[in-house]
Amino acid sequence: MLGSAIGAIDWSALPVGIDAASNETNVFLATWIVMLVCLVSTLTSFREIPLPVLEKGEMLRPVTYREVDNNLNRQQQEDYPSIPYEETEQLQCYQLMHSIIHMPLAMKKLYFTHLLSVMSHMNFYLFLTDFVATEVFHGNAKAPKESAELKLYEAGVRYGCLGMILFATFVALYSLVIKRLIERFGSRTMYLAAFMLHCLSMLTLGFVHHRAMVMISCGIGGILYSTINSIPYLLLSHYHSKNALLIALVVGIIIDAVGTCTVTLYIASGCAFLAIISATSITYLGL
């Protein structure tokens, strides 16, 4: 939320004595200041224990890399006493791949649904500000400096950042009540409802390039983000108890081919729709 708030401010219009610098320079300067404050706070918030005191206390003594390696080797020899260390690593990799390939069908469905939901969310999240700047505000990032189109583009980016603030707010608020909603309506209902709302909002925003629709979609996006970071893990824990680079690369190529950022909304809507279909086959175990 703080990062979006920094990007939503028109720093060049503020009487802070740095009007000569570009808005991007001011944004990065503000971000650097925040990072510096966080760094100083981290370094000074906890008093460091002197090394002699650490070495005297058994529970406080730092663990060396050699001790870690010795413990790992000893543990592996206990688990696989007749297998050399190199073959043990190969065996662990094989077990990992075997468990992924032969995981239960219910978990495969859950993972596939989660993949689709994350793809839908990332298409919206990564390209929102560019979409708002070019399609809603009709700006152009490649326009000449001080031109009207460039100013519109920068205004659109700031408005998109405001939308991301609303997105973060909805994530926080919805996370407070999602557990009660699941108890009231069930995880299946809440899971499908989040996908349906996101699918419809992305599809509507693709056709209706209005500022109000941007804010509505950002709020619904926050609901989806909170949902996909809670319900899948809740289901996974119940399964056990009862026995975001490729996207940006591919979608960037599609945008260049089509010539408009609106295609990202259609992709997000399509992935959300496929997630709805996949989510209907998930085992919810009565949640």
Protein backbone atom coordinates (compact mmCIF):
# COMPACT_ATOMS: atom_id res chain seq x y z
CA MET A 1 0.00 0.00 0.00
CA LEU A 2 2.84 2.39 0.82
CA GLY A 3 4.48 1.74 -2.55
CA SER A 4 1.22 2.44 -4.39
CA ALA A 5 0.69 5.59 -2.35
CA ILE A 6 4.13 6.88 -3.35
CA GLY A 7 3.35 6.24 -7.00
CA ALA A 8 -0.07 7.92 -6.75
CA ILE A 9 1.39 11.30 -5.72
CA ASP A 10 2.28 13.90 -8.34
CA TRP A 11 5.59 14.83 -6.74
CA SER A 12 6.45 17.42 -9.36
CA ALA A 13 3.40 19.46 -8.32
CA LEU A 14 4.36 19.58 -4.64
CA PRO A 15 6.25 22.60 -3.21
CA VAL A 16 9.18 20.53 -1.99
CA GLY A 17 11.92 22.22 -3.95
CA ILE A 18 12.53 19.38 -6.43
CA ASP A 19 10.25 20.47 -9.26
CA ALA A 20 13.14 20.31 -11.72
CA ALA A 21 13.45 16.55 -11.30
CA SER A 22 11.14 14.15 -13.13
CA ASN A 23 8.23 12.52 -11.35
CA GLU A 24 9.95 9.13 -11.62
CA THR A 25 13.07 10.53 -9.93
CA ASN A 26 10.99 11.87 -7.07
CA VAL A 27 9.18 8.54 -6.68
CA PHE A 28 12.44 6.62 -6.46
CA LEU A 29 13.85 9.23 -4.06
CA ALA A 30 10.83 8.79 -1.76
CA THR A 31 11.17 5.01 -1.99
CA TRP A 32 14.87 5.24 -1.11
CA ILE A 33 14.07 7.37 1.94
CA VAL A 34 11.49 4.84 3.13
CA MET A 35 13.95 2.00 2.63
CA LEU A 36 16.64 3.91 4.53
CA VAL A 37 14.29 4.57 7.45
CA CYS A 38 13.32 0.88 7.57
CA LEU A 39 16.98 -0.17 7.45
CA VAL A 40 17.98 2.14 10.30
CA SER A 41 14.97 1.03 12.34
CA THR A 42 15.88 -2.62 11.82
CA LEU A 43 19.51 -2.11 12.82
CA THR A 44 18.70 -0.09 15.93
CA SER A 45 15.50 -1.73 17.19
CA PHE A 46 17.24 -4.72 18.84
CA ARG A 47 20.41 -4.56 20.89
CA GLU A 48 23.03 -6.97 19.59
CA ILE A 49 24.29 -9.59 22.03
CA PRO A 50 28.10 -9.48 22.39
CA LEU A 51 29.93 -12.40 20.81
CA PRO A 52 31.61 -13.58 24.08
CA VAL A 53 28.17 -13.86 25.69
CA LEU A 54 26.88 -15.84 22.73
CA GLU A 55 29.80 -18.26 22.88
CA LYS A 56 29.32 -18.92 26.61
CA GLY A 57 25.62 -19.73 26.40
CA GLU A 58 24.79 -23.19 25.02
CA MET A 59 21.45 -22.02 23.63
CA LEU A 60 22.84 -18.73 22.32
CA ARG A 61 26.00 -20.02 20.68
CA PRO A 62 25.91 -19.47 16.91
CA VAL A 63 25.89 -22.54 14.69
CA THR A 64 28.72 -22.80 12.17
CA TYR A 65 28.38 -24.12 8.62
CA ARG A 66 30.57 -27.10 9.51
CA GLU A 67 28.23 -28.09 12.34
CA VAL A 68 25.25 -27.84 10.02
CA ASP A 69 26.95 -30.04 7.40
CA ASN A 70 27.97 -32.59 10.04
CA ASN A 71 24.43 -32.81 11.38
CA LEU A 72 23.00 -33.19 7.88
CA ASN A 73 25.47 -35.91 6.98
CA ARG A 74 24.80 -37.74 10.23
CA GLN A 75 21.04 -37.53 9.73
CA GLN A 76 21.27 -38.77 6.17
CA GLN A 77 23.49 -41.66 7.18
CA GLU A 78 20.94 -42.61 9.82
CA ASP A 79 18.13 -42.52 7.28
CA TYR A 80 20.12 -44.22 4.50
CA PRO A 81 23.04 -46.02 6.22
CA SER A 82 24.16 -48.00 3.17
CA ILE A 83 23.78 -45.27 0.55
CA PRO A 84 26.60 -42.82 -0.27
CA TYR A 85 25.98 -39.11 0.23
CA GLU A 86 25.82 -38.32 -3.52
CA GLU A 87 23.27 -41.06 -4.16
CA THR A 88 21.22 -39.83 -1.21
CA GLU A 89 20.76 -36.46 -2.91
CA GLN A 90 19.67 -38.19 -6.12
CA LEU A 91 17.23 -40.31 -4.14
CA GLN A 92 15.69 -37.24 -2.51
CA CYS A 93 15.23 -35.57 -5.91
CA TYR A 94 13.62 -38.74 -7.22
CA GLN A 95 11.26 -38.89 -4.25
CA LEU A 96 10.28 -35.26 -4.80
CA MET A 97 9.48 -35.80 -8.48
CA HIS A 98 7.68 -39.04 -7.69
CA SER A 99 5.50 -37.33 -5.08
CA ILE A 100 4.62 -34.54 -7.53
CA ILE A 101 3.71 -36.92 -10.34
CA HIS A 102 1.78 -39.36 -8.15
CA MET A 103 0.03 -36.86 -5.86
CA PRO A 104 -3.68 -37.50 -5.16
CA LEU A 105 -6.16 -36.38 -7.80
CA ALA A 106 -7.81 -33.93 -5.39
CA MET A 107 -4.49 -32.10 -4.88
CA LYS A 108 -3.82 -32.00 -8.63
CA LYS A 109 -7.18 -30.31 -9.18
CA LEU A 110 -6.48 -27.84 -6.39
CA TYR A 111 -3.02 -26.97 -7.75
CA PHE A 112 -4.35 -26.54 -11.30
CA THR A 113 -7.14 -24.26 -10.09
CA HIS A 114 -4.65 -22.24 -8.08
CA LEU A 115 -2.41 -21.91 -11.14
CA LEU A 116 -5.27 -20.51 -13.19
CA SER A 117 -6.31 -18.11 -10.43
CA VAL A 118 -2.77 -16.79 -10.02
CA MET A 119 -2.44 -16.32 -13.79
CA SER A 120 -5.68 -14.36 -13.82
CA HIS A 121 -4.63 -12.20 -10.90
CA MET A 122 -1.12 -11.49 -12.22
CA ASN A 123 -2.42 -10.38 -15.63
CA PHE A 124 -4.52 -7.80 -13.85
CA TYR A 125 -1.92 -6.83 -11.23
CA LEU A 126 1.11 -6.44 -13.51
CA PHE A 127 -0.50 -4.44 -16.31
CA LEU A 128 -3.16 -2.38 -14.49
CA THR A 129 -1.33 0.97 -14.40
CA ASP A 130 -0.28 0.71 -18.05
CA PHE A 131 -3.84 -0.20 -19.06
CA VAL A 132 -5.34 2.72 -17.13
CA ALA A 133 -2.79 5.16 -18.55
CA THR A 134 -3.22 4.11 -22.19
CA GLU A 135 -6.85 2.94 -22.48
CA VAL A 136 -8.69 4.94 -19.81
CA PHE A 137 -6.69 8.21 -19.86
CA HIS A 138 -5.62 7.80 -23.53
CA GLY A 139 -2.01 8.67 -22.77
CA ASN A 140 1.16 7.60 -24.53
CA ALA A 141 4.36 6.68 -22.73
CA LYS A 142 6.39 7.35 -25.90
CA ALA A 143 5.00 10.84 -26.46
CA PRO A 144 7.41 13.81 -26.44
CA LYS A 145 8.33 15.33 -23.09
CA GLU A 146 5.89 17.95 -21.74
CA SER A 147 3.30 16.85 -24.32
CA ALA A 148 -0.37 16.44 -23.41
CA GLU A 149 -0.31 12.71 -24.14
CA LEU A 150 2.63 12.10 -21.80
CA LYS A 151 0.95 14.09 -19.03
CA LEU A 152 -2.20 12.02 -19.51
CA TYR A 153 -0.15 8.85 -19.31
CA GLU A 154 1.47 9.94 -16.04
CA ALA A 155 -1.94 10.91 -14.65
CA GLY A 156 -3.25 7.48 -15.63
CA VAL A 157 -0.37 5.75 -13.85
CA ARG A 158 -1.09 7.73 -10.70
CA TYR A 159 -4.77 6.84 -10.92
CA GLY A 160 -3.82 3.19 -11.34
CA CYS A 161 -1.73 3.47 -8.18
CA LEU A 162 -4.79 4.80 -6.37
CA GLY A 163 -6.59 1.70 -7.56
CA MET A 164 -3.82 -0.45 -6.11
CA ILE A 165 -4.26 1.34 -2.77
CA LEU A 166 -7.93 0.33 -2.88
CA PHE A 167 -6.81 -3.18 -3.86
CA ALA A 168 -4.56 -3.43 -0.80
CA THR A 169 -7.33 -2.04 1.43
CA PHE A 170 -9.79 -4.68 0.24
CA VAL A 171 -7.19 -7.39 0.78
CA ALA A 172 -6.75 -6.32 4.39
CA LEU A 173 -10.45 -5.88 5.13
CA TYR A 174 -11.62 -9.04 3.39
CA SER A 175 -8.94 -11.09 5.13
CA LEU A 176 -10.52 -10.10 8.44
CA VAL A 177 -13.92 -11.56 7.56
CA ILE A 178 -13.19 -14.38 5.11
CA LYS A 179 -13.01 -17.02 7.86
CA ARG A 180 -16.48 -16.08 9.11
CA LEU A 181 -17.82 -16.05 5.57
CA ILE A 182 -16.43 -19.53 4.96
CA GLU A 183 -18.07 -20.76 8.14
CA ARG A 184 -21.36 -19.16 7.08
CA PHE A 185 -21.52 -19.98 3.36
CA GLY A 186 -18.86 -22.67 2.86
CA SER A 187 -15.50 -22.60 1.10
CA ARG A 188 -16.94 -23.79 -2.22
CA THR A 189 -19.37 -20.87 -2.42
CA MET A 190 -16.76 -18.29 -1.44
CA TYR A 191 -14.14 -19.74 -3.80
CA LEU A 192 -16.44 -19.76 -6.83
CA ALA A 193 -17.92 -16.35 -5.98
CA ALA A 194 -14.48 -14.71 -5.97
CA PHE A 195 -13.65 -16.20 -9.39
CA MET A 196 -17.01 -15.20 -10.86
CA LEU A 197 -16.75 -11.62 -9.60
CA HIS A 198 -13.19 -11.26 -10.92
CA CYS A 199 -14.09 -12.81 -14.27
CA LEU A 200 -17.05 -10.46 -14.77
CA SER A 201 -15.12 -7.38 -13.58
CA MET A 202 -12.22 -8.04 -15.94
CA LEU A 203 -14.56 -8.65 -18.86
CA THR A 204 -16.58 -5.51 -18.08
CA LEU A 205 -13.47 -3.36 -17.69
CA GLY A 206 -12.24 -4.64 -21.05
CA PHE A 207 -15.33 -3.15 -22.72
CA VAL A 208 -16.07 -0.22 -20.39
CA HIS A 209 -12.93 1.92 -20.02
CA HIS A 210 -14.27 4.07 -17.19
CA ARG A 211 -12.49 5.31 -14.08
CA ALA A 212 -15.22 4.06 -11.75
CA MET A 213 -14.96 0.59 -13.28
CA VAL A 214 -11.22 0.65 -12.60
CA MET A 215 -11.84 1.17 -8.90
CA ILE A 216 -14.54 -1.49 -8.78
CA SER A 217 -12.21 -3.98 -10.47
CA CYS A 218 -9.41 -3.14 -8.04
CA GLY A 219 -11.69 -3.81 -5.08
CA ILE A 220 -12.80 -7.13 -6.54
CA GLY A 221 -9.18 -7.94 -7.32
CA GLY A 222 -8.39 -7.51 -3.63
CA ILE A 223 -11.15 -9.97 -2.76
CA LEU A 224 -9.72 -12.50 -5.22
CA TYR A 225 -6.18 -12.06 -3.89
CA SER A 226 -7.30 -12.64 -0.32
CA THR A 227 -9.30 -15.69 -1.43
CA ILE A 228 -6.54 -17.42 -3.39
CA ASN A 229 -4.14 -16.90 -0.50
CA SER A 230 -6.42 -18.47 2.09
CA ILE A 231 -8.88 -21.07 0.81
CA PRO A 232 -6.40 -23.25 -1.18
CA TYR A 233 -4.09 -23.54 1.83
CA LEU A 234 -7.06 -24.22 4.10
CA LEU A 235 -8.16 -27.04 1.80
CA LEU A 236 -4.63 -28.39 1.60
CA SER A 237 -4.36 -28.54 5.39
CA HIS A 238 -7.65 -30.43 5.54
CA TYR A 239 -6.41 -32.87 2.90
CA HIS A 240 -3.42 -33.67 5.09
CA SER A 241 -5.44 -33.82 8.28
CA LYS A 242 -7.81 -36.29 6.62
CA ASN A 243 -5.14 -38.36 4.81
CA ALA A 244 4.55 -13.90 -10.31
CA LEU A 245 8.35 -13.84 -14.79
CA LEU A 246 6.74 -16.32 -17.26
CA ILE A 247 3.42 -14.46 -17.27
CA ALA A 248 4.99 -11.04 -17.75
CA LEU A 249 7.16 -12.33 -20.60
CA VAL A 250 4.39 -14.11 -22.53
CA VAL A 251 1.72 -11.46 -22.02
CA GLY A 252 4.18 -8.72 -22.99
CA ILE A 253 4.64 -10.41 -26.36
CA ILE A 254 0.87 -10.69 -26.79
CA ILE A 255 0.42 -6.98 -26.00
CA ASP A 256 2.99 -6.03 -28.63
CA ALA A 257 1.28 -8.27 -31.19
CA VAL A 258 -2.25 -7.00 -30.52
CA GLY A 259 -1.29 -3.40 -29.84
CA THR A 260 -3.47 -2.78 -26.77
CA CYS A 261 -3.29 -3.49 -23.03
CA THR A 262 -6.98 -4.46 -23.03
CA VAL A 263 -5.96 -7.98 -24.03
CA THR A 264 -4.56 -8.49 -20.50
CA LEU A 265 -8.07 -8.09 -19.08
CA TYR A 266 -9.47 -10.66 -21.49
CA ILE A 267 -6.69 -13.08 -20.53
CA ALA A 268 -7.40 -12.48 -16.85
CA SER A 269 -11.10 -13.01 -17.40
CA GLY A 270 -10.46 -16.21 -19.39
CA CYS A 271 -8.17 -17.64 -16.72
CA ALA A 272 -10.71 -16.78 -14.03
CA PHE A 273 -13.44 -18.53 -16.05
CA LEU A 274 -11.29 -21.64 -16.44
CA ALA A 275 -10.59 -21.49 -12.70
CA ILE A 276 -14.34 -21.49 -12.06
CA ILE A 277 -14.72 -24.68 -14.10
CA SER A 278 -11.76 -26.29 -12.37
CA ALA A 279 -12.92 -25.19 -8.91
CA THR A 280 -16.22 -27.00 -9.31
CA SER A 281 -14.39 -30.34 -9.29
CA ILE A 282 -12.31 -29.66 -6.18
CA THR A 283 -12.91 -31.79 -3.08
CA TYR A 284 -13.98 -29.40 -0.31
CA LEU A 285 -14.43 -31.96 2.50
CA GLY A 286 -17.50 -30.21 3.85
CA LEU A 287 -15.80 -26.82 4.36
